[in-house]
N, C-alpha and C. Protein backbone atom coordinates (compact mmCIF):
# COMPACT_ATOMS: atom_id res chain seq x y z
N MET A 1 -117.74 -235.56 81.26
CA MET A 1 -118.79 -234.75 81.82
C MET A 1 -119.32 -235.41 83.09
N THR A 2 -119.47 -234.61 84.12
CA THR A 2 -119.97 -235.11 85.39
C THR A 2 -121.46 -234.86 85.48
N ASN A 3 -122.20 -235.89 85.80
CA ASN A 3 -123.63 -235.73 86.02
C ASN A 3 -123.87 -235.19 87.42
N ARG A 4 -124.73 -234.22 87.51
CA ARG A 4 -125.10 -233.65 88.80
C ARG A 4 -126.61 -233.76 88.94
N TRP A 5 -127.04 -234.14 90.12
CA TRP A 5 -128.46 -234.26 90.41
C TRP A 5 -128.78 -233.33 91.56
N GLY A 6 -129.83 -232.55 91.41
CA GLY A 6 -130.19 -231.59 92.43
C GLY A 6 -131.64 -231.73 92.86
N MET A 7 -131.91 -231.19 94.03
CA MET A 7 -133.26 -231.20 94.60
C MET A 7 -133.53 -229.81 95.15
N THR A 8 -134.76 -229.36 94.96
CA THR A 8 -135.18 -228.08 95.52
C THR A 8 -135.61 -228.29 96.97
N VAL A 9 -135.11 -227.44 97.85
CA VAL A 9 -135.45 -227.51 99.28
C VAL A 9 -135.94 -226.14 99.71
N PRO A 10 -136.65 -226.03 100.80
CA PRO A 10 -137.05 -227.08 101.72
C PRO A 10 -138.29 -227.80 101.22
N LEU A 11 -138.56 -228.92 101.84
CA LEU A 11 -139.76 -229.69 101.52
C LEU A 11 -140.94 -229.16 102.32
N GLY A 12 -142.04 -228.93 101.65
CA GLY A 12 -143.24 -228.45 102.32
C GLY A 12 -143.78 -229.49 103.29
N GLY A 13 -144.27 -229.02 104.41
CA GLY A 13 -144.87 -229.91 105.39
C GLY A 13 -143.89 -230.58 106.33
N ILE A 14 -142.60 -230.37 106.12
CA ILE A 14 -141.58 -230.94 107.00
C ILE A 14 -140.82 -229.77 107.64
N PRO A 15 -140.83 -229.67 108.96
CA PRO A 15 -140.11 -228.57 109.61
C PRO A 15 -138.62 -228.59 109.26
N LEU A 16 -138.02 -227.42 109.15
CA LEU A 16 -136.59 -227.35 108.79
C LEU A 16 -135.72 -228.17 109.74
N ALA A 17 -136.06 -228.20 111.01
CA ALA A 17 -135.27 -228.96 111.98
C ALA A 17 -135.26 -230.45 111.67
N ASP A 18 -136.23 -230.93 110.90
CA ASP A 18 -136.33 -232.35 110.56
C ASP A 18 -135.76 -232.67 109.19
N HIS A 19 -135.10 -231.74 108.56
CA HIS A 19 -134.55 -231.97 107.22
C HIS A 19 -133.21 -232.71 107.23
N ALA A 20 -132.57 -232.88 108.38
CA ALA A 20 -131.25 -233.53 108.42
C ALA A 20 -131.29 -234.92 107.79
N ALA A 21 -132.28 -235.72 108.16
CA ALA A 21 -132.37 -237.08 107.61
C ALA A 21 -132.63 -237.04 106.10
N PHE A 22 -133.41 -236.05 105.66
CA PHE A 22 -133.70 -235.91 104.23
C PHE A 22 -132.42 -235.57 103.46
N TYR A 23 -131.62 -234.64 103.98
CA TYR A 23 -130.37 -234.29 103.31
C TYR A 23 -129.42 -235.48 103.25
N ALA A 24 -129.37 -236.26 104.33
CA ALA A 24 -128.52 -237.46 104.35
C ALA A 24 -128.99 -238.47 103.30
N ALA A 25 -130.31 -238.65 103.19
CA ALA A 25 -130.85 -239.59 102.20
C ALA A 25 -130.55 -239.12 100.78
N LEU A 26 -130.64 -237.82 100.54
CA LEU A 26 -130.29 -237.28 99.22
C LEU A 26 -128.85 -237.60 98.87
N HIS A 27 -127.96 -237.35 99.81
CA HIS A 27 -126.54 -237.58 99.58
C HIS A 27 -126.28 -239.07 99.30
N ARG A 28 -126.88 -239.94 100.08
CA ARG A 28 -126.72 -241.40 99.87
C ARG A 28 -127.27 -241.83 98.51
N ALA A 29 -128.33 -241.18 98.05
CA ALA A 29 -128.96 -241.54 96.77
C ALA A 29 -128.19 -241.00 95.57
N GLY A 30 -127.14 -240.25 95.82
CA GLY A 30 -126.32 -239.75 94.71
C GLY A 30 -126.60 -238.33 94.28
N PHE A 31 -127.49 -237.64 95.00
CA PHE A 31 -127.73 -236.24 94.67
C PHE A 31 -126.49 -235.43 95.05
N THR A 32 -126.18 -234.45 94.22
CA THR A 32 -124.97 -233.64 94.44
C THR A 32 -125.28 -232.22 94.88
N ASP A 33 -126.47 -231.73 94.57
CA ASP A 33 -126.79 -230.32 94.79
C ASP A 33 -128.13 -230.17 95.50
N VAL A 34 -128.25 -229.11 96.29
CA VAL A 34 -129.55 -228.67 96.79
C VAL A 34 -129.71 -227.21 96.42
N TRP A 35 -130.90 -226.88 95.97
CA TRP A 35 -131.23 -225.52 95.55
C TRP A 35 -132.40 -225.03 96.37
N SER A 36 -132.31 -223.80 96.81
CA SER A 36 -133.37 -223.22 97.60
C SER A 36 -133.89 -221.97 96.90
N SER A 37 -135.13 -221.65 97.18
CA SER A 37 -135.71 -220.43 96.61
C SER A 37 -136.52 -219.73 97.68
N GLU A 38 -136.93 -218.54 97.37
CA GLU A 38 -137.69 -217.73 98.32
C GLU A 38 -138.96 -217.27 97.63
N VAL A 39 -140.01 -218.04 97.84
CA VAL A 39 -141.29 -217.71 97.24
C VAL A 39 -142.31 -217.46 98.34
N ASN A 40 -142.44 -218.43 99.22
CA ASN A 40 -143.28 -218.26 100.40
C ASN A 40 -142.70 -219.16 101.49
N GLY A 41 -143.00 -218.90 102.70
CA GLY A 41 -142.45 -219.72 103.79
C GLY A 41 -141.07 -219.27 104.19
N THR A 42 -140.08 -220.14 104.06
CA THR A 42 -138.73 -219.84 104.52
C THR A 42 -137.99 -218.91 103.56
N ASP A 43 -136.91 -218.35 104.05
CA ASP A 43 -136.03 -217.57 103.19
C ASP A 43 -135.20 -218.53 102.33
N ALA A 44 -134.42 -218.00 101.42
CA ALA A 44 -133.63 -218.84 100.51
C ALA A 44 -132.36 -219.38 101.15
N PHE A 45 -131.90 -218.78 102.25
CA PHE A 45 -130.58 -219.10 102.76
C PHE A 45 -130.56 -220.09 103.93
N THR A 46 -131.57 -220.06 104.79
CA THR A 46 -131.56 -220.94 105.96
C THR A 46 -131.53 -222.43 105.59
N PRO A 47 -132.35 -222.90 104.64
CA PRO A 47 -132.25 -224.32 104.27
C PRO A 47 -130.86 -224.70 103.75
N LEU A 48 -130.20 -223.79 103.07
CA LEU A 48 -128.85 -224.08 102.56
C LEU A 48 -127.83 -224.09 103.68
N ALA A 49 -127.99 -223.22 104.67
CA ALA A 49 -127.08 -223.22 105.82
C ALA A 49 -127.20 -224.54 106.58
N LEU A 50 -128.43 -225.03 106.72
CA LEU A 50 -128.62 -226.31 107.39
C LEU A 50 -128.01 -227.44 106.58
N ALA A 51 -128.20 -227.43 105.27
CA ALA A 51 -127.60 -228.45 104.42
C ALA A 51 -126.08 -228.41 104.52
N ALA A 52 -125.52 -227.21 104.59
CA ALA A 52 -124.06 -227.08 104.71
C ALA A 52 -123.55 -227.71 106.00
N ALA A 53 -124.31 -227.54 107.07
CA ALA A 53 -123.90 -228.09 108.36
C ALA A 53 -124.10 -229.61 108.42
N TRP A 54 -125.21 -230.09 107.86
CA TRP A 54 -125.55 -231.50 108.01
C TRP A 54 -124.95 -232.40 106.94
N GLN A 55 -124.72 -231.88 105.75
CA GLN A 55 -124.17 -232.67 104.65
C GLN A 55 -123.13 -231.86 103.89
N PRO A 56 -121.90 -231.80 104.41
CA PRO A 56 -120.87 -230.95 103.80
C PRO A 56 -120.53 -231.30 102.35
N GLY A 57 -120.92 -232.47 101.88
CA GLY A 57 -120.60 -232.85 100.51
C GLY A 57 -121.54 -232.29 99.46
N LEU A 58 -122.70 -231.78 99.87
CA LEU A 58 -123.65 -231.26 98.90
C LEU A 58 -123.26 -229.87 98.42
N ARG A 59 -123.44 -229.63 97.13
CA ARG A 59 -123.26 -228.28 96.59
C ARG A 59 -124.53 -227.50 96.84
N LEU A 60 -124.39 -226.18 96.99
CA LEU A 60 -125.50 -225.32 97.38
C LEU A 60 -125.77 -224.27 96.32
N GLY A 61 -127.05 -223.93 96.15
CA GLY A 61 -127.38 -222.87 95.21
C GLY A 61 -128.72 -222.24 95.55
N THR A 62 -128.85 -220.98 95.18
CA THR A 62 -130.14 -220.31 95.32
C THR A 62 -130.74 -220.14 93.93
N ALA A 63 -132.02 -220.35 93.85
CA ALA A 63 -132.71 -220.14 92.59
C ALA A 63 -133.36 -218.76 92.59
N ILE A 64 -134.21 -218.50 93.57
CA ILE A 64 -134.89 -217.21 93.65
C ILE A 64 -134.60 -216.60 95.01
N ALA A 65 -133.96 -215.44 95.00
CA ALA A 65 -133.73 -214.67 96.21
C ALA A 65 -134.01 -213.21 95.84
N PRO A 66 -135.23 -212.75 96.04
CA PRO A 66 -135.62 -211.43 95.58
C PRO A 66 -134.75 -210.32 96.16
N VAL A 67 -134.27 -209.48 95.30
CA VAL A 67 -133.45 -208.36 95.76
C VAL A 67 -134.30 -207.16 96.16
N PHE A 68 -135.57 -207.18 95.81
CA PHE A 68 -136.42 -206.04 96.13
C PHE A 68 -137.01 -206.11 97.54
N THR A 69 -136.93 -207.27 98.17
CA THR A 69 -137.48 -207.42 99.51
C THR A 69 -136.42 -207.26 100.60
N ARG A 70 -135.19 -207.10 100.20
CA ARG A 70 -134.10 -206.84 101.15
C ARG A 70 -133.08 -205.95 100.45
N GLY A 71 -132.39 -205.18 101.22
CA GLY A 71 -131.39 -204.29 100.64
C GLY A 71 -130.17 -205.05 100.13
N PRO A 72 -129.39 -204.42 99.27
CA PRO A 72 -128.20 -205.08 98.73
C PRO A 72 -127.21 -205.48 99.82
N GLY A 73 -127.09 -204.63 100.84
CA GLY A 73 -126.17 -204.97 101.93
C GLY A 73 -126.59 -206.23 102.66
N LEU A 74 -127.87 -206.35 102.95
CA LEU A 74 -128.37 -207.53 103.65
C LEU A 74 -128.24 -208.78 102.79
N LEU A 75 -128.51 -208.66 101.50
CA LEU A 75 -128.35 -209.80 100.60
C LEU A 75 -126.89 -210.24 100.57
N ALA A 76 -125.97 -209.28 100.52
CA ALA A 76 -124.55 -209.60 100.52
C ALA A 76 -124.13 -210.25 101.85
N MET A 77 -124.68 -209.76 102.95
CA MET A 77 -124.37 -210.35 104.25
C MET A 77 -124.85 -211.80 104.33
N SER A 78 -126.04 -212.06 103.82
CA SER A 78 -126.57 -213.43 103.83
C SER A 78 -125.69 -214.35 102.99
N ALA A 79 -125.31 -213.90 101.81
CA ALA A 79 -124.45 -214.71 100.95
C ALA A 79 -123.08 -214.93 101.57
N ALA A 80 -122.52 -213.91 102.20
CA ALA A 80 -121.22 -214.03 102.84
C ALA A 80 -121.26 -215.00 104.02
N ALA A 81 -122.33 -214.92 104.82
CA ALA A 81 -122.46 -215.83 105.95
C ALA A 81 -122.59 -217.27 105.49
N LEU A 82 -123.36 -217.50 104.41
CA LEU A 82 -123.48 -218.85 103.88
C LEU A 82 -122.14 -219.32 103.33
N ALA A 83 -121.41 -218.47 102.66
CA ALA A 83 -120.10 -218.83 102.14
C ALA A 83 -119.13 -219.19 103.26
N GLU A 84 -119.23 -218.48 104.38
CA GLU A 84 -118.38 -218.80 105.53
C GLU A 84 -118.77 -220.15 106.15
N ALA A 85 -120.06 -220.44 106.17
CA ALA A 85 -120.53 -221.71 106.73
C ALA A 85 -120.22 -222.89 105.81
N ALA A 86 -120.05 -222.62 104.53
CA ALA A 86 -119.82 -223.68 103.55
C ALA A 86 -118.61 -223.34 102.70
N PRO A 87 -117.41 -223.39 103.28
CA PRO A 87 -116.22 -223.00 102.51
C PRO A 87 -116.03 -223.84 101.25
N ASP A 88 -115.56 -223.19 100.21
CA ASP A 88 -115.26 -223.84 98.92
C ASP A 88 -116.49 -224.38 98.21
N ARG A 89 -117.69 -223.90 98.58
CA ARG A 89 -118.89 -224.36 97.88
C ARG A 89 -119.63 -223.18 97.36
């Protein structure tokens, strides 16, 4: 059995543009996954797209991505774009 450690992103009070160092520190500390949600502030996908670009070894996941605030087509487009940015993840 493989242990996986995850962290919920983004971090409050830190601009998304400044998360690169945080993602690198997570990866060095042995974290394997980052999970994003959409409750307030950022959307669920942008922090994961940044993590995909800055730390290709991290696995990505969404926890909360409301389907009632966007149409099914837009939700599918967001997921497809993230999948293209992070192949095989």
